[in-house]
Amino acid sequence: MARPRKPLLSRQLIVETASALVDAEGLDAVSTRRLAAELGVSGPSLYNHFRNKDEILDAVADAISAQVDLSMFDEDDGRDWRTALHDWAVSYRAALLAHPHTVPVLARGPGRRPAGLRLADAVFGAMVRAGWPPAQATRVGALMRYFITGSALGSFTAGFVGDAAAYDPADYPHLGQAHLLADRGEGIDEDAFETGLRALLDGLELQHRALIRS
């Protein structure tokens, strides 16, 4: 029998299958046994591509990092550092919201993940070119990652139930409309993200102007 032209198993196929499992059921759904069953292969065959489950989850996280737009940090792009940070933050958050269960892995930092390191390198390089001292550029990148990943870890509005009786005015005199939040969640969460992002960038711009003047 002729051998198949393409291997039955590849890193990409494993990552795609693991990513689908994480999206559907969460991080705990991924195990080498479960993946092997989903792929229709024997468990040990996965070890030809990954040493363990943690490496697989790292690859899943890195595939998400690779979806983030970094073009705004190209030297010939033309966007100033503030606009670049804003547009990158929006792209980064969109990638995380599309795969919310993977956010805890991404929040640990890039480690040795290539796409994650390219992301960190692009942000740091752009900030240094814009006049931020290296130490400050590092802090700017860290601050932005804290804010973006934090915003994607959960929904503020989803934390409120749709039952008006849960918010007795005798106990919570200012939460009379809180039961309406869940139904308006996406818009409120988006607006809150933009409000926070603008506030961060406003503060950073003040610091940047002071650095340039000094």
Protein backbone atom coordinates (compact mmCIF):
# COMPACT_ATOMS: atom_id res chain seq x y z
CA MET A 1 0.00 0.00 0.00
CA ALA A 2 1.33 3.42 -0.92
CA ARG A 3 2.26 5.68 1.95
CA PRO A 4 0.09 8.81 2.37
CA ARG A 5 1.55 11.92 0.82
CA LYS A 6 0.91 13.90 3.99
CA PRO A 7 1.51 12.67 7.53
CA LEU A 8 -1.64 11.71 9.38
CA LEU A 9 -0.52 13.70 12.39
CA SER A 10 1.21 17.07 12.58
CA ARG A 11 1.91 19.78 15.14
CA GLN A 12 -0.63 22.03 13.43
CA LEU A 13 -3.37 19.40 13.56
CA ILE A 14 -2.68 18.71 17.23
CA VAL A 15 -2.76 22.42 18.05
CA GLU A 16 -5.97 23.00 16.09
CA THR A 17 -7.67 20.06 17.83
CA ALA A 18 -6.47 21.14 21.27
CA SER A 19 -7.57 24.72 20.60
CA ALA A 20 -11.06 23.55 19.64
CA LEU A 21 -11.26 21.51 22.85
CA VAL A 22 -10.14 24.45 24.98
CA ASP A 23 -12.62 26.79 23.29
CA ALA A 24 -15.48 24.35 23.79
CA GLU A 25 -14.73 22.92 27.22
CA GLY A 26 -11.87 24.79 28.87
CA LEU A 27 -8.25 24.02 29.68
CA ASP A 28 -9.05 21.01 31.84
CA ALA A 29 -10.56 19.23 28.83
CA VAL A 30 -7.13 18.83 27.25
CA SER A 31 -5.17 15.68 28.00
CA THR A 32 -2.96 13.58 25.79
CA ARG A 33 -5.46 10.73 26.08
CA ARG A 34 -8.38 12.94 25.06
CA LEU A 35 -6.44 14.48 22.19
CA ALA A 36 -5.36 11.08 20.92
CA ALA A 37 -8.98 9.93 20.95
CA GLU A 38 -10.14 13.06 19.12
CA LEU A 39 -7.42 12.60 16.50
CA GLY A 40 -7.95 8.87 16.15
CA VAL A 41 -4.32 8.04 16.97
CA SER A 42 -2.47 6.28 19.76
CA GLY A 43 -1.41 8.39 22.72
CA PRO A 44 2.34 7.86 22.30
CA SER A 45 2.23 9.25 18.75
CA LEU A 46 1.59 12.71 20.20
CA TYR A 47 5.01 12.61 21.85
CA ASN A 48 6.66 12.71 18.44
CA HIS A 49 5.51 16.33 18.32
CA PHE A 50 5.12 17.48 21.95
CA ARG A 51 6.71 16.30 25.15
CA ASN A 52 3.66 16.86 27.34
CA LYS A 53 0.31 18.61 27.77
CA ASP A 54 1.95 21.86 28.88
CA GLU A 55 3.85 22.11 25.59
CA ILE A 56 0.60 21.60 23.70
CA LEU A 57 -1.15 24.34 25.65
CA ASP A 58 1.83 26.63 25.09
CA ALA A 59 1.49 26.03 21.35
CA VAL A 60 -2.25 26.74 21.53
CA ALA A 61 -1.55 30.02 23.33
CA ASP A 62 1.15 30.95 20.85
CA ALA A 63 -1.21 30.37 17.94
CA ILE A 64 -3.50 32.98 19.50
CA SER A 65 -0.61 35.43 19.94
CA ALA A 66 0.15 34.98 16.26
CA GLN A 67 -3.33 36.33 15.43
CA VAL A 68 -2.58 39.71 17.02
CA ASP A 69 -1.90 42.50 14.53
CA LEU A 70 1.60 43.96 14.96
CA SER A 71 1.74 45.99 11.76
CA MET A 72 1.25 49.25 13.66
CA PHE A 73 4.72 48.80 15.18
CA ASP A 74 6.51 48.61 11.82
CA GLU A 75 8.97 51.47 11.46
CA ASP A 76 7.38 52.60 8.19
CA ASP A 77 3.76 52.28 9.38
CA GLY A 78 3.39 55.96 10.28
CA ARG A 79 1.27 55.66 13.41
CA ASP A 80 2.55 57.48 16.48
CA TRP A 81 3.32 55.39 19.56
CA ARG A 82 0.02 56.21 21.30
CA THR A 83 -2.13 55.26 18.30
CA ALA A 84 -0.05 52.14 17.78
CA LEU A 85 -0.55 51.04 21.37
CA HIS A 86 -4.29 51.67 21.11
CA ASP A 87 -4.72 49.73 17.87
CA TRP A 88 -2.56 46.88 19.14
CA ALA A 89 -4.52 46.69 22.40
CA VAL A 90 -7.79 46.43 20.49
CA SER A 91 -6.41 43.66 18.27
CA TYR A 92 -4.88 41.80 21.21
CA ARG A 93 -8.10 41.91 23.23
CA ALA A 94 -10.15 40.72 20.24
CA ALA A 95 -7.86 37.69 19.88
CA LEU A 96 -8.21 36.90 23.57
CA LEU A 97 -11.99 37.31 23.58
CA ALA A 98 -12.22 34.82 20.71
CA HIS A 99 -10.43 32.26 22.93
CA PRO A 100 -11.22 33.26 26.52
CA HIS A 101 -10.34 29.92 28.13
CA THR A 102 -6.74 30.31 26.98
CA VAL A 103 -6.24 33.71 28.64
CA PRO A 104 -4.79 32.24 31.88
CA VAL A 105 -2.00 30.58 29.85
CA LEU A 106 -1.27 33.78 27.93
CA ALA A 107 -1.34 35.84 31.13
CA ARG A 108 1.72 33.95 32.39
CA GLY A 109 3.82 35.68 29.74
CA PRO A 110 5.51 34.57 26.53
CA GLY A 111 8.08 32.21 28.02
CA ARG A 112 9.77 30.62 25.00
CA ARG A 113 6.78 30.95 22.69
CA PRO A 114 7.93 32.47 19.36
CA ALA A 115 4.81 34.50 18.51
CA GLY A 116 4.55 35.76 22.07
CA LEU A 117 8.19 36.84 22.01
CA ARG A 118 7.71 38.59 18.65
CA LEU A 119 4.79 40.46 20.18
CA ALA A 120 6.85 41.56 23.20
CA ASP A 121 9.77 42.51 20.95
CA ALA A 122 7.56 44.62 18.68
CA VAL A 123 6.01 46.57 21.54
CA PHE A 124 9.31 47.16 23.33
CA GLY A 125 11.13 48.17 20.15
CA ALA A 126 8.43 50.63 19.14
CA MET A 127 8.40 52.26 22.57
CA VAL A 128 12.18 52.68 22.60
CA ARG A 129 12.08 54.21 19.11
CA ALA A 130 9.42 56.63 20.38
CA GLY A 131 11.80 57.92 23.03
CA TRP A 132 10.89 55.83 26.06
CA PRO A 133 13.99 54.75 28.02
CA PRO A 134 14.34 50.94 27.97
CA ALA A 135 13.27 50.52 31.60
CA GLN A 136 10.19 52.65 31.03
CA ALA A 137 9.43 50.88 27.76
CA THR A 138 9.43 47.59 29.66
CA ARG A 139 6.98 49.00 32.19
CA VAL A 140 4.70 50.31 29.44
CA GLY A 141 4.57 46.88 27.83
CA ALA A 142 3.88 45.22 31.18
CA LEU A 143 1.15 47.72 32.05
CA MET A 144 -0.59 47.22 28.74
CA ARG A 145 -0.46 43.43 29.05
CA TYR A 146 -1.91 43.59 32.58
CA PHE A 147 -4.77 45.74 31.37
CA ILE A 148 -5.55 43.79 28.21
CA THR A 149 -5.40 40.30 29.72
CA GLY A 150 -7.32 41.47 32.78
CA SER A 151 -10.08 42.86 30.60
CA ALA A 152 -10.37 39.52 28.81
CA LEU A 153 -10.44 37.32 31.93
CA GLY A 154 -14.09 38.02 32.54
CA SER A 155 -17.06 40.28 31.93
CA PHE A 156 -17.97 42.90 34.51
CA THR A 157 -21.61 42.90 33.47
CA ALA A 158 -21.90 39.11 33.48
CA GLY A 159 -21.19 39.25 37.20
CA PHE A 160 -24.68 40.58 37.85
CA VAL A 161 -27.82 38.43 37.72
CA GLY A 162 -30.93 39.42 35.79
CA ASP A 163 -33.20 39.19 38.84
CA ALA A 164 -34.21 42.57 40.21
CA ALA A 165 -35.09 40.94 43.53
CA ALA A 166 -31.42 40.19 44.11
CA TYR A 167 -30.79 43.89 44.64
CA ASP A 168 -33.01 44.91 47.51
CA PRO A 169 -32.82 48.72 47.76
CA ALA A 170 -32.71 48.40 51.52
CA ASP A 171 -29.37 46.63 51.19
CA TYR A 172 -28.08 48.05 47.89
CA PRO A 173 -29.59 51.50 47.42
CA HIS A 174 -27.48 52.27 44.34
CA LEU A 175 -27.97 49.01 42.41
CA GLY A 176 -31.57 49.42 41.37
CA GLN A 177 -30.65 48.92 37.69
CA ALA A 178 -27.99 46.26 38.19
CA HIS A 179 -30.30 43.48 36.97
CA LEU A 180 -30.24 45.09 33.52
CA LEU A 181 -26.47 44.87 33.13
CA ALA A 182 -26.26 41.30 31.89
CA ASP A 183 -28.48 42.04 28.89
CA ARG A 184 -26.32 45.02 27.94
CA GLY A 185 -23.04 43.31 28.66
CA GLU A 186 -21.16 43.49 25.40
CA GLY A 187 -21.66 47.20 24.88
CA ILE A 188 -20.85 48.12 28.47
CA ASP A 189 -17.75 45.94 28.56
CA GLU A 190 -16.52 47.38 25.26
CA ASP A 191 -17.10 50.95 26.44
CA ALA A 192 -15.38 50.22 29.74
CA PHE A 193 -12.35 48.82 27.92
CA GLU A 194 -12.11 51.90 25.70
CA THR A 195 -12.55 54.21 28.69
CA GLY A 196 -9.77 52.47 30.59
CA LEU A 197 -7.52 52.32 27.54
CA ARG A 198 -7.90 56.04 26.88
CA ALA A 199 -7.20 56.79 30.54
CA LEU A 200 -4.03 54.69 30.45
CA LEU A 201 -2.83 56.29 27.25
CA ASP A 202 -3.60 59.78 28.54
CA GLY A 203 -1.44 59.12 31.57
CA LEU A 204 1.35 57.61 29.51
CA GLU A 205 1.28 60.57 27.15
CA LEU A 206 1.81 62.95 30.06
CA GLN A 207 4.78 60.89 31.19
CA HIS A 208 6.17 60.76 27.66
CA ARG A 209 5.96 64.54 27.25
CA ALA A 210 7.83 65.00 30.54
CA LEU A 211 10.54 62.59 29.37
CA ILE A 212 10.95 64.39 26.06
CA ARG A 213 11.20 67.78 27.79
CA SER A 214 13.79 66.60 30.33
